[in-house]
Amino acid sequence: MRWPLLLGLALSVFVVPVSAATTKDFLYRCSLDAKACADKIRDVARVIERPPPGQRAPVRICFPTGQSDDDLADAITSYIDNQSPPWDNRNDFDSIAAALASLYACDGIKGLGDYE
């Protein structure tokens, strides 16, 4: 009876969740893996460009040509890290979306209120 419980606990130590729940978790994971961080950022960009019906207005995101995963991760995490008060306990999606809208909105409008 204990083996399934012990096996489950052992596996939970080695399994890393796909998505961070908080911005603090997201920033930590980005410090470990810039590619996974950039992938998460691009996933959020796709959602805010094509939000589900009835949600926020779409925001077109324009990434600079040739931007590496490291550069993208650094730009977004630096923007988030420099917010005051800190966004540590915010939802990671909302923090990434706000940073994307501020840094990479195609129309050049900074600080779009829907994502802050």
N, C-alpha and C. Protein backbone atom coordinates (compact mmCIF):
# COMPACT_ATOMS: atom_id res chain seq x y z
N MET A 1 0.82 -1.19 0.00
CA MET A 1 0.00 0.00 0.00
C MET A 1 0.87 1.26 0.00
N ARG A 2 2.03 1.19 0.61
CA ARG A 2 2.91 2.36 0.67
C ARG A 2 3.68 2.57 -0.62
N TRP A 3 3.92 1.52 -1.39
CA TRP A 3 4.74 1.65 -2.60
C TRP A 3 4.19 2.65 -3.59
N PRO A 4 2.89 2.63 -3.91
CA PRO A 4 2.38 3.64 -4.86
C PRO A 4 2.56 5.06 -4.34
N LEU A 5 2.36 5.24 -3.05
CA LEU A 5 2.52 6.57 -2.46
C LEU A 5 3.99 7.01 -2.53
N LEU A 6 4.90 6.12 -2.16
CA LEU A 6 6.32 6.44 -2.20
C LEU A 6 6.79 6.67 -3.64
N LEU A 7 6.31 5.87 -4.57
CA LEU A 7 6.67 6.05 -5.97
C LEU A 7 6.17 7.40 -6.49
N GLY A 8 4.94 7.74 -6.12
CA GLY A 8 4.39 9.04 -6.52
C GLY A 8 5.19 10.20 -5.97
N LEU A 9 5.59 10.11 -4.71
CA LEU A 9 6.40 11.16 -4.11
C LEU A 9 7.77 11.26 -4.78
N ALA A 10 8.37 10.11 -5.07
CA ALA A 10 9.68 10.10 -5.72
C ALA A 10 9.60 10.72 -7.11
N LEU A 11 8.57 10.37 -7.87
CA LEU A 11 8.42 10.93 -9.21
C LEU A 11 8.15 12.43 -9.17
N SER A 12 7.41 12.89 -8.18
CA SER A 12 7.09 14.32 -8.12
C SER A 12 8.33 15.17 -7.90
N VAL A 13 9.37 14.60 -7.33
CA VAL A 13 10.61 15.33 -7.14
C VAL A 13 11.30 15.59 -8.48
N PHE A 14 11.15 14.66 -9.43
CA PHE A 14 11.85 14.75 -10.70
C PHE A 14 11.03 15.35 -11.83
N VAL A 15 9.75 15.50 -11.66
CA VAL A 15 8.89 16.04 -12.71
C VAL A 15 8.76 17.54 -12.52
N VAL A 16 9.13 18.31 -13.55
CA VAL A 16 9.02 19.76 -13.50
C VAL A 16 7.72 20.17 -14.19
N PRO A 17 6.89 20.96 -13.54
CA PRO A 17 5.64 21.38 -14.17
C PRO A 17 5.91 22.14 -15.47
N VAL A 18 5.00 21.98 -16.43
CA VAL A 18 5.15 22.63 -17.72
C VAL A 18 5.00 24.14 -17.59
N SER A 19 4.11 24.59 -16.75
CA SER A 19 3.84 26.02 -16.64
C SER A 19 4.01 26.49 -15.20
N ALA A 20 4.65 27.60 -15.03
CA ALA A 20 4.80 28.18 -13.70
C ALA A 20 3.51 28.87 -13.31
N ALA A 21 3.16 28.79 -12.06
CA ALA A 21 1.93 29.41 -11.59
C ALA A 21 2.13 30.89 -11.28
N THR A 22 3.29 31.23 -10.77
CA THR A 22 3.54 32.61 -10.41
C THR A 22 4.69 33.18 -11.22
N THR A 23 4.76 34.49 -11.22
CA THR A 23 5.85 35.16 -11.94
C THR A 23 7.20 34.80 -11.32
N LYS A 24 7.24 34.68 -10.01
CA LYS A 24 8.50 34.32 -9.35
C LYS A 24 8.98 32.95 -9.84
N ASP A 25 8.07 31.98 -9.97
CA ASP A 25 8.43 30.66 -10.49
C ASP A 25 8.92 30.77 -11.93
N PHE A 26 8.21 31.57 -12.73
CA PHE A 26 8.60 31.76 -14.13
C PHE A 26 10.01 32.35 -14.23
N LEU A 27 10.31 33.38 -13.44
CA LEU A 27 11.64 34.00 -13.47
C LEU A 27 12.72 33.00 -13.07
N TYR A 28 12.42 32.18 -12.08
CA TYR A 28 13.39 31.17 -11.66
C TYR A 28 13.65 30.17 -12.78
N ARG A 29 12.58 29.68 -13.40
CA ARG A 29 12.74 28.70 -14.48
C ARG A 29 13.49 29.31 -15.66
N CYS A 30 13.28 30.59 -15.92
CA CYS A 30 14.00 31.26 -17.01
C CYS A 30 15.49 31.32 -16.73
N SER A 31 15.85 31.45 -15.46
CA SER A 31 17.26 31.49 -15.12
C SER A 31 17.94 30.15 -15.37
N LEU A 32 17.15 29.08 -15.48
CA LEU A 32 17.69 27.74 -15.71
C LEU A 32 17.69 27.33 -17.18
N ASP A 33 16.71 27.83 -17.95
CA ASP A 33 16.52 27.36 -19.32
C ASP A 33 15.93 28.46 -20.20
N ALA A 34 16.78 29.16 -20.91
CA ALA A 34 16.33 30.29 -21.75
C ALA A 34 15.44 29.82 -22.90
N LYS A 35 15.69 28.65 -23.44
CA LYS A 35 14.87 28.16 -24.56
C LYS A 35 13.44 27.88 -24.10
N ALA A 36 13.29 27.18 -22.99
CA ALA A 36 11.95 26.90 -22.47
C ALA A 36 11.25 28.21 -22.11
N CYS A 37 12.01 29.15 -21.59
CA CYS A 37 11.47 30.47 -21.24
C CYS A 37 10.97 31.19 -22.49
N ALA A 38 11.78 31.19 -23.54
CA ALA A 38 11.38 31.84 -24.79
C ALA A 38 10.17 31.16 -25.41
N ASP A 39 10.10 29.83 -25.30
CA ASP A 39 8.94 29.09 -25.80
C ASP A 39 7.67 29.51 -25.07
N LYS A 40 7.76 29.65 -23.75
CA LYS A 40 6.61 30.08 -22.94
C LYS A 40 6.20 31.50 -23.35
N ILE A 41 7.17 32.38 -23.55
CA ILE A 41 6.89 33.76 -23.95
C ILE A 41 6.19 33.78 -25.31
N ARG A 42 6.67 32.98 -26.24
CA ARG A 42 6.02 32.92 -27.57
C ARG A 42 4.62 32.34 -27.49
N ASP A 43 4.40 31.37 -26.59
CA ASP A 43 3.05 30.83 -26.39
C ASP A 43 2.10 31.91 -25.90
N VAL A 44 2.56 32.71 -24.94
CA VAL A 44 1.73 33.81 -24.43
C VAL A 44 1.48 34.83 -25.54
N ALA A 45 2.49 35.10 -26.35
CA ALA A 45 2.32 36.04 -27.46
C ALA A 45 1.23 35.56 -28.42
N ARG A 46 1.21 34.25 -28.71
CA ARG A 46 0.18 33.71 -29.60
C ARG A 46 -1.21 33.90 -29.01
N VAL A 47 -1.34 33.71 -27.72
CA VAL A 47 -2.64 33.86 -27.07
C VAL A 47 -3.11 35.31 -27.07
N ILE A 48 -2.21 36.25 -26.78
CA ILE A 48 -2.66 37.64 -26.75
C ILE A 48 -2.89 38.20 -28.15
N GLU A 49 -2.28 37.57 -29.15
CA GLU A 49 -2.56 37.98 -30.53
C GLU A 49 -3.90 37.43 -31.02
N ARG A 50 -4.29 36.27 -30.49
CA ARG A 50 -5.56 35.64 -30.85
C ARG A 50 -6.27 35.17 -29.59
N PRO A 51 -6.77 36.12 -28.77
CA PRO A 51 -7.41 35.73 -27.51
C PRO A 51 -8.73 34.99 -27.77
N PRO A 52 -9.14 34.17 -26.81
CA PRO A 52 -10.43 33.50 -26.95
C PRO A 52 -11.56 34.53 -27.09
N PRO A 53 -12.64 34.18 -27.78
CA PRO A 53 -13.75 35.11 -27.96
C PRO A 53 -14.26 35.64 -26.62
N GLY A 54 -14.53 36.93 -26.59
CA GLY A 54 -15.05 37.56 -25.39
C GLY A 54 -14.00 37.96 -24.37
N GLN A 55 -12.75 37.67 -24.66
CA GLN A 55 -11.68 38.05 -23.75
C GLN A 55 -11.12 39.41 -24.17
N ARG A 56 -9.91 39.69 -23.80
CA ARG A 56 -9.26 40.97 -24.11
C ARG A 56 -9.15 41.20 -25.62
N ALA A 57 -8.94 42.45 -25.98
CA ALA A 57 -8.70 42.79 -27.38
C ALA A 57 -7.34 42.23 -27.81
N PRO A 58 -7.23 41.78 -29.06
CA PRO A 58 -5.94 41.25 -29.51
C PRO A 58 -4.86 42.34 -29.56
N VAL A 59 -3.64 41.93 -29.31
CA VAL A 59 -2.48 42.82 -29.40
C VAL A 59 -1.50 42.15 -30.36
N ARG A 60 -1.16 42.83 -31.43
CA ARG A 60 -0.19 42.28 -32.38
C ARG A 60 1.22 42.48 -31.83
N ILE A 61 1.98 41.40 -31.79
CA ILE A 61 3.35 41.42 -31.25
C ILE A 61 4.34 41.33 -32.40
N CYS A 62 5.34 42.20 -32.39
CA CYS A 62 6.39 42.21 -33.41
C CYS A 62 7.75 42.03 -32.72
N PHE A 63 8.27 40.81 -32.83
CA PHE A 63 9.59 40.55 -32.27
C PHE A 63 10.65 41.05 -33.25
N PRO A 64 11.77 41.56 -32.74
CA PRO A 64 12.86 41.99 -33.63
C PRO A 64 13.40 40.81 -34.44
N THR A 65 13.75 41.05 -35.67
CA THR A 65 14.31 40.02 -36.53
C THR A 65 15.62 39.51 -35.94
N GLY A 66 15.74 38.20 -35.90
CA GLY A 66 16.99 37.59 -35.44
C GLY A 66 17.18 37.56 -33.94
N GLN A 67 16.16 37.88 -33.17
CA GLN A 67 16.31 37.88 -31.72
C GLN A 67 16.46 36.44 -31.22
N SER A 68 17.50 36.18 -30.46
CA SER A 68 17.75 34.84 -29.94
C SER A 68 16.85 34.55 -28.75
N ASP A 69 16.76 33.27 -28.40
CA ASP A 69 16.00 32.88 -27.22
C ASP A 69 16.55 33.57 -25.97
N ASP A 70 17.87 33.64 -25.86
CA ASP A 70 18.49 34.29 -24.71
C ASP A 70 18.11 35.77 -24.64
N ASP A 71 18.14 36.45 -25.78
CA ASP A 71 17.80 37.88 -25.80
C ASP A 71 16.34 38.12 -25.45
N LEU A 72 15.45 37.27 -25.99
CA LEU A 72 14.02 37.40 -25.68
C LEU A 72 13.77 37.15 -24.20
N ALA A 73 14.31 36.07 -23.68
CA ALA A 73 14.14 35.75 -22.26
C ALA A 73 14.69 36.87 -21.39
N ASP A 74 15.86 37.39 -21.75
CA ASP A 74 16.48 38.46 -20.97
C ASP A 74 15.63 39.73 -20.99
N ALA A 75 15.11 40.10 -22.15
CA ALA A 75 14.31 41.32 -22.26
C ALA A 75 13.03 41.22 -21.42
N ILE A 76 12.33 40.11 -21.54
CA ILE A 76 11.07 39.95 -20.80
C ILE A 76 11.32 39.83 -19.31
N THR A 77 12.29 39.01 -18.90
CA THR A 77 12.54 38.85 -17.47
C THR A 77 13.09 40.13 -16.85
N SER A 78 13.89 40.87 -17.59
CA SER A 78 14.40 42.15 -17.06
C SER A 78 13.26 43.14 -16.86
N TYR A 79 12.35 43.21 -17.84
CA TYR A 79 11.21 44.11 -17.71
C TYR A 79 10.38 43.74 -16.48
N ILE A 80 10.08 42.45 -16.34
CA ILE A 80 9.27 41.99 -15.21
C ILE A 80 9.99 42.25 -13.90
N ASP A 81 11.28 41.95 -13.87
CA ASP A 81 12.07 42.07 -12.65
C ASP A 81 12.19 43.52 -12.18
N ASN A 82 12.06 44.48 -13.09
CA ASN A 82 12.21 45.89 -12.74
C ASN A 82 10.90 46.58 -12.35
N GLN A 83 9.82 45.82 -12.23
CA GLN A 83 8.54 46.44 -11.86
C GLN A 83 8.49 46.69 -10.35
N SER A 84 7.84 47.77 -10.01
CA SER A 84 7.69 48.12 -8.59
C SER A 84 6.24 48.51 -8.35
N PRO A 85 5.56 47.87 -7.42
CA PRO A 85 6.02 46.78 -6.56
C PRO A 85 6.25 45.51 -7.38
N PRO A 86 7.04 44.58 -6.83
CA PRO A 86 7.38 43.36 -7.56
C PRO A 86 6.14 42.56 -7.98
N TRP A 87 6.27 41.91 -9.11
CA TRP A 87 5.18 41.08 -9.63
C TRP A 87 5.32 39.62 -9.24
N ASP A 88 6.11 39.30 -8.24
CA ASP A 88 6.44 37.92 -7.87
C ASP A 88 5.22 37.01 -7.75
N ASN A 89 4.16 37.48 -7.15
CA ASN A 89 3.01 36.62 -6.89
C ASN A 89 1.89 36.76 -7.91
N ARG A 90 2.13 37.51 -8.96
CA ARG A 90 1.16 37.61 -10.05
C ARG A 90 1.16 36.33 -10.86
N ASN A 91 0.08 36.12 -11.58
CA ASN A 91 0.00 35.02 -12.53
C ASN A 91 1.07 35.23 -13.60
N ASP A 92 1.80 34.18 -13.93
CA ASP A 92 2.90 34.33 -14.89
C ASP A 92 2.40 34.77 -16.26
N PHE A 93 1.24 34.28 -16.70
CA PHE A 93 0.70 34.68 -18.00
C PHE A 93 0.48 36.19 -18.06
N ASP A 94 -0.15 36.75 -17.01
CA ASP A 94 -0.44 38.18 -16.98
C ASP A 94 0.84 39.02 -17.00
N SER A 95 1.85 38.58 -16.29
CA SER A 95 3.12 39.32 -16.26
C SER A 95 3.82 39.27 -17.61
N ILE A 96 3.84 38.10 -18.23
CA ILE A 96 4.47 37.97 -19.54
C ILE A 96 3.70 38.79 -20.57
N ALA A 97 2.37 38.72 -20.53
CA ALA A 97 1.54 39.48 -21.47
C ALA A 97 1.77 40.98 -21.33
N ALA A 98 1.86 41.47 -20.10
CA ALA A 98 2.10 42.89 -19.88
C ALA A 98 3.47 43.31 -20.42
N ALA A 99 4.47 42.47 -20.19
CA ALA A 99 5.81 42.78 -20.69
C ALA A 99 5.83 42.77 -22.22
N LEU A 100 5.19 41.78 -22.83
CA LEU A 100 5.12 41.71 -24.29
C LEU A 100 4.42 42.93 -24.88
N ALA A 101 3.28 43.29 -24.30
CA ALA A 101 2.52 44.44 -24.80
C ALA A 101 3.31 45.72 -24.66
N SER A 102 4.10 45.82 -23.61
CA SER A 102 4.88 47.03 -23.40
C SER A 102 6.11 47.09 -24.30
N LEU A 103 6.78 45.97 -24.47
CA LEU A 103 8.04 45.95 -25.20
C LEU A 103 7.90 45.69 -26.70
N TYR A 104 6.90 44.90 -27.10
CA TYR A 104 6.86 44.41 -28.48
C TYR A 104 5.56 44.65 -29.23
N ALA A 105 4.68 45.49 -28.72
CA ALA A 105 3.45 45.78 -29.46
C ALA A 105 3.81 46.43 -30.79
N CYS A 106 3.24 45.93 -31.89
CA CYS A 106 3.59 46.43 -33.23
C CYS A 106 3.23 47.90 -33.42
N ASP A 107 2.18 48.34 -32.76
CA ASP A 107 1.75 49.73 -32.94
C ASP A 107 2.56 50.70 -32.11
N GLY A 108 3.47 50.19 -31.30
CA GLY A 108 4.35 51.06 -30.53
C GLY A 108 3.73 51.67 -29.29
N ILE A 109 2.48 51.31 -28.98
CA ILE A 109 1.85 51.83 -27.77
C ILE A 109 2.44 51.10 -26.58
N LYS A 110 2.97 51.83 -25.63
CA LYS A 110 3.59 51.25 -24.46
C LYS A 110 2.58 51.16 -23.32
N GLY A 111 2.70 50.10 -22.53
CA GLY A 111 1.91 49.96 -21.32
C GLY A 111 0.43 49.81 -21.56
N LEU A 112 0.03 48.86 -22.39
CA LEU A 112 -1.39 48.67 -22.66
C LEU A 112 -2.09 48.21 -21.39
N GLY A 113 -3.11 48.93 -20.98
CA GLY A 113 -3.78 48.70 -19.71
C GLY A 113 -4.39 47.33 -19.53
N ASP A 114 -4.85 46.67 -20.61
CA ASP A 114 -5.49 45.37 -20.47
C ASP A 114 -4.55 44.32 -19.91
N TYR A 115 -3.25 44.50 -20.05
CA TYR A 115 -2.31 43.48 -19.63
C TYR A 115 -1.44 43.93 -18.45
N GLU A 116 -1.84 44.99 -17.77
CA GLU A 116 -1.05 45.41 -16.62
C GLU A 116 -1.82 45.20 -15.35
